[in-house]
Protein backbone atom coordinates (compact mmCIF):
# COMPACT_ATOMS: atom_id res chain seq x y z
CA MET A 1 59.14 190.84 238.67
CA ASP A 2 60.48 190.80 235.08
CA THR A 3 64.19 191.60 235.28
CA ASN A 4 63.70 194.02 232.39
CA GLN A 5 61.80 196.14 234.90
CA ALA A 6 64.60 196.08 237.46
CA TYR A 7 65.36 199.79 237.19
CA GLU A 8 61.77 200.98 237.34
CA GLN A 9 60.52 202.67 240.47
CA VAL A 10 59.28 200.09 242.96
CA ASP A 11 55.80 200.48 244.45
CA PRO A 12 56.10 201.58 248.11
CA ALA A 13 53.31 199.17 249.02
CA LYS A 14 55.34 196.33 247.53
CA LEU A 15 58.37 197.38 249.55
CA LYS A 16 56.19 197.44 252.66
CA LEU A 17 55.00 193.88 251.97
CA GLU A 18 58.57 192.71 251.40
CA ALA A 19 59.64 194.33 254.69
CA ARG A 20 56.77 192.59 256.48
CA ILE A 21 57.90 189.23 255.12
CA ARG A 22 61.54 189.91 256.02
CA ARG A 23 60.53 190.50 259.63
CA GLN A 24 59.34 186.89 259.74
CA TYR A 25 61.62 185.11 257.28
CA PRO A 26 65.01 185.79 255.71
CA LEU A 27 64.21 186.22 252.03
CA ARG A 28 66.04 185.17 248.87
CA TRP A 29 65.29 186.03 245.24
CA LEU A 30 65.63 183.44 242.48
CA SER A 31 65.85 184.04 238.74
CA VAL A 32 63.45 181.89 236.71
CA ASP A 33 63.34 181.73 232.90
CA ALA A 34 60.03 180.83 231.25
CA ALA A 35 59.00 181.14 227.60
CA GLY A 36 61.77 183.57 226.76
CA LYS A 37 61.31 185.87 229.74
CA SER A 38 63.19 186.11 233.02
CA PHE A 39 61.50 186.60 236.38
CA ARG A 40 62.54 187.12 239.98
CA VAL A 41 60.79 184.92 242.52
CA ALA A 42 60.98 185.32 246.30
CA LYS A 43 61.32 182.35 248.64
CA VAL A 44 62.53 181.67 252.17
CA ALA A 45 66.32 181.99 252.19
CA ASP A 46 66.83 178.92 254.37
CA PRO A 47 63.80 176.60 254.23
CA ASP A 48 65.57 174.12 256.53
CA LEU A 49 65.03 176.54 259.41
CA VAL A 50 61.28 176.51 258.72
CA PHE A 51 61.34 172.70 258.52
CA ASP A 52 63.22 172.45 261.83
CA GLU A 53 60.76 174.79 263.53
CA ALA A 54 57.88 172.66 262.27
CA ILE A 55 59.48 169.49 263.62
CA ASP A 56 59.99 171.15 267.00
CA GLU A 57 56.38 172.31 267.02
CA GLU A 58 55.11 168.82 266.21
CA LYS A 59 57.16 167.40 269.08
CA LYS A 60 55.56 169.90 271.45
CA LEU A 61 52.11 168.87 270.25
CA GLY A 62 52.84 165.17 270.62
CA LYS A 63 50.91 163.16 268.04
CA THR A 64 48.81 166.12 266.93
CA PRO A 65 49.86 167.03 263.36
CA LEU A 66 50.40 170.61 262.31
CA GLU A 67 47.65 172.30 260.32
CA TRP A 68 50.10 172.54 257.45
CA GLN A 69 53.55 171.18 256.68
CA PRO A 70 56.50 173.52 255.99
CA TYR A 71 56.95 172.55 252.34
CA TRP A 72 55.55 175.91 251.20
CA ALA A 73 58.86 177.63 252.09
CA GLU A 74 60.88 176.26 249.15
CA ALA A 75 60.62 176.99 245.42
CA TRP A 76 60.82 173.33 244.47
CA GLU A 77 62.28 172.27 241.15
CA SER A 78 58.93 170.72 240.24
CA SER A 79 57.30 174.16 240.52
CA LEU A 80 60.01 175.83 238.43
CA VAL A 81 59.53 173.26 235.68
CA LEU A 82 55.73 173.51 235.89
CA ALA A 83 55.90 177.30 235.56
CA GLN A 84 57.95 176.90 232.40
CA VAL A 85 55.52 174.32 230.98
CA VAL A 86 52.43 176.44 231.68
CA ALA A 87 54.05 179.45 230.00
CA GLU A 88 55.22 177.43 226.98
CA LEU A 89 51.82 175.80 226.43
CA GLY A 90 50.27 179.26 226.17
CA CYS A 91 48.03 180.42 228.96
CA ARG A 92 46.81 183.89 227.95
CA ASN A 93 43.19 184.41 229.04
CA GLN A 94 43.03 180.93 230.56
CA ARG A 95 41.67 180.34 234.05
CA ILE A 96 44.48 178.64 235.93
CA LEU A 97 44.54 177.32 239.48
CA ASP A 98 47.96 176.97 241.10
CA LEU A 99 46.98 174.37 243.70
CA GLY A 100 49.27 173.86 246.67
CA CYS A 101 51.00 176.93 245.34
CA GLY A 102 53.60 177.42 248.08
CA VAL A 103 55.32 180.72 247.31
CA GLY A 104 53.38 181.01 244.04
CA VAL A 105 55.98 180.42 241.34
CA VAL A 106 53.57 178.84 238.86
CA GLY A 107 50.72 181.28 239.43
CA ALA A 108 52.92 184.37 239.22
CA ILE A 109 54.53 183.34 235.93
CA ALA A 110 51.16 182.29 234.49
CA ALA A 111 49.72 185.70 235.40
CA ALA A 112 52.73 187.39 233.80
CA HIS A 113 51.87 185.53 230.60
CA GLY A 114 48.28 186.74 230.62
CA ALA A 115 46.39 184.07 232.55
CA GLU A 116 43.65 184.72 235.10
CA VAL A 117 45.08 182.86 238.07
CA THR A 118 43.97 181.63 241.45
CA MET A 119 46.80 180.79 243.84
CA GLY A 120 45.80 178.56 246.72
CA ASP A 121 47.52 176.77 249.58
CA ILE A 122 46.55 175.67 253.08
CA ALA A 123 49.73 177.28 254.47
CA LEU A 124 49.01 180.94 255.14
CA PRO A 125 52.66 182.08 255.31
CA GLY A 126 53.16 181.02 251.70
CA LEU A 127 50.33 183.27 250.58
CA LEU A 128 52.32 186.33 251.68
CA PHE A 129 55.06 185.28 249.29
CA CYS A 130 52.42 184.75 246.60
CA ARG A 131 51.28 188.34 247.00
CA LEU A 132 54.85 189.54 246.60
CA ASN A 133 55.65 187.33 243.62
CA VAL A 134 52.51 188.18 241.67
CA TRP A 135 52.55 191.87 242.63
CA ASP A 136 53.10 193.26 239.14
CA TRP A 137 50.18 191.19 237.78
CA GLN A 138 47.92 191.22 240.82
CA HIS A 139 44.99 192.50 238.76
CA ARG A 140 44.91 189.03 237.20
CA ALA A 141 45.36 187.09 240.44
CA THR A 142 43.24 185.82 243.31
CA ILE A 143 45.14 184.56 246.35
CA ARG A 144 43.30 182.48 248.93
CA ARG A 145 43.62 179.68 251.42
CA ILE A 146 42.54 176.38 249.87
CA ASP A 147 42.19 173.03 251.59
CA TRP A 148 41.74 170.49 248.80
CA GLU A 149 40.33 167.97 251.28
CA GLN A 150 37.34 170.15 252.20
CA ASP A 151 36.90 173.26 250.09
CA LEU A 152 34.46 173.64 247.22
CA LEU A 153 35.07 176.71 245.09
CA GLU A 154 32.56 178.33 242.77
CA ALA A 155 35.05 178.62 239.92
CA LYS A 156 35.96 176.08 237.23
CA PHE A 157 39.44 176.15 235.71
CA ASP A 158 40.90 175.44 232.29
CA THR A 159 44.10 174.22 233.93
CA ILE A 160 44.77 173.02 237.46
CA ALA A 161 48.51 173.07 238.01
CA ASN A 162 50.03 170.91 240.75
CA ALA A 163 53.73 170.85 241.60
CA ASP A 164 54.94 168.11 243.91
CA VAL A 165 51.61 167.28 245.57
CA VAL A 166 51.34 163.52 244.89
CA TYR A 167 54.17 162.35 247.18
CA ASP A 168 51.67 161.17 249.80
CA ARG A 169 49.28 158.42 248.70
CA ARG A 170 46.74 159.68 251.24
CA ASN A 171 46.29 162.83 249.13
CA TRP A 172 45.20 161.03 245.98
CA PRO A 173 41.47 160.50 246.69
CA ALA A 174 41.05 164.11 247.86
CA LEU A 175 42.91 165.45 244.83
CA ASP A 176 40.77 163.31 242.53
CA ARG A 177 37.59 164.75 244.05
CA PHE A 178 38.89 168.32 244.02
CA TRP A 179 40.02 168.13 240.40
CA ARG A 180 36.69 166.70 239.27
CA ASN A 181 34.77 169.42 241.10
CA HIS A 182 36.85 172.30 239.75
CA LEU A 183 37.99 171.37 236.26
CA ALA A 184 36.21 172.90 233.25
CA PRO A 185 34.68 170.33 230.84
CA GLU A 186 37.66 170.40 228.45
CA GLY A 187 40.18 171.30 231.12
CA VAL A 188 43.47 169.61 231.97
CA VAL A 189 45.34 168.83 235.16
CA LEU A 190 49.11 169.27 235.04
CA VAL A 191 51.21 167.43 237.62
CA THR A 192 54.98 167.64 238.08
CA GLU A 193 57.04 165.57 240.51
CA PRO A 194 60.70 164.54 240.80
CA ASN A 195 60.30 160.95 239.59
CA ARG A 196 59.71 159.41 242.99
CA THR A 197 58.40 155.89 243.51
CA THR A 198 55.10 157.38 244.70
CA GLY A 199 54.92 159.44 241.52
CA ARG A 200 55.18 156.33 239.38
CA GLU A 201 52.54 154.64 241.52
CA PHE A 202 50.32 157.71 241.19
CA ARG A 203 50.48 157.64 237.40
CA ALA A 204 49.30 154.03 237.37
CA LYS A 205 46.60 154.60 239.98
CA ILE A 206 45.15 157.76 238.46
CA VAL A 207 44.32 155.87 235.25
CA GLU A 208 42.40 153.33 237.34
CA MET A 209 40.55 156.28 238.92
CA GLY A 210 39.14 157.35 235.55
CA TRP A 211 41.68 159.77 234.13
CA ILE A 212 43.42 159.79 230.77
CA LEU A 213 47.17 160.16 231.27
CA ASP A 214 49.13 162.00 228.60
CA GLY A 215 52.86 161.63 229.19
CA SER A 216 53.90 163.40 226.00
CA LEU A 217 55.27 166.40 227.91
CA GLY A 218 57.99 164.07 229.10
CA ILE A 219 60.76 164.52 231.63
CA ARG A 220 62.92 167.57 232.17
CA ARG A 221 66.29 167.55 233.82
CA SER A 222 66.53 170.30 236.43
CA ALA A 223 69.44 171.21 238.65
CA HIS A 224 69.20 168.24 240.99
CA SER A 225 66.51 165.90 239.69
CA GLU A 226 64.47 164.67 236.74
CA VAL A 227 61.01 166.20 236.85
CA VAL A 228 58.19 164.16 235.31
CA ILE A 229 55.38 166.16 233.68
CA SER A 230 51.94 164.54 233.43
CA ARG A 231 48.84 165.92 231.75
CA LEU A 232 45.49 164.48 232.83
CA LYS A 233 42.01 164.65 231.31
CA ARG A 234 38.83 163.14 232.67
CA ARG A 235 37.75 159.88 231.05
CA TYR A 236 34.61 159.58 233.16
């Protein structure tokens, strides 16, 4: 929600959705600035509680992993930076996929700037937050469960935006396939991550996998980390 709209009458259906979320998770609003505008973004107030519950659940299941990990509950600094970058690059009328969207920071701000967005994550709880965060621009948004290891969508995208998804080397082959299947011919993949060792390894490996790496967007200092911004195009 643009803070300039703070005193407008709130849609009762939006209030109902917020109440539904609050019954499951304590909620906190963040202020995010992007391309000269300020937005309010909802997230879980204490993501550590969600993380702890996930750890407890995994212990109960033994070696069986959870269907999704609890990382969706936080508005990570990589997603805040990526939202700013997408808005600054100009996204009006572009088809943008916010992949691994979590609470939907990137997709909501892209939609607010005129993009046609798809917000996708394997974690269903995060999609409720996406609905809330993109509410004022929902006519430009599609929200759906996406498993990048298995799903094949009909749509092609001008930009596939990925915040903090390359921390696990096991994800790289599946991401490579998914990007190739869903990127428009002249499209770009944007990746942000907090300058981890795996991020540096990813940037070297992705070139070997047939992508052109453009590092000209650089590094941005956020509150607690340096976020590296990479732009990828297909070489072959």
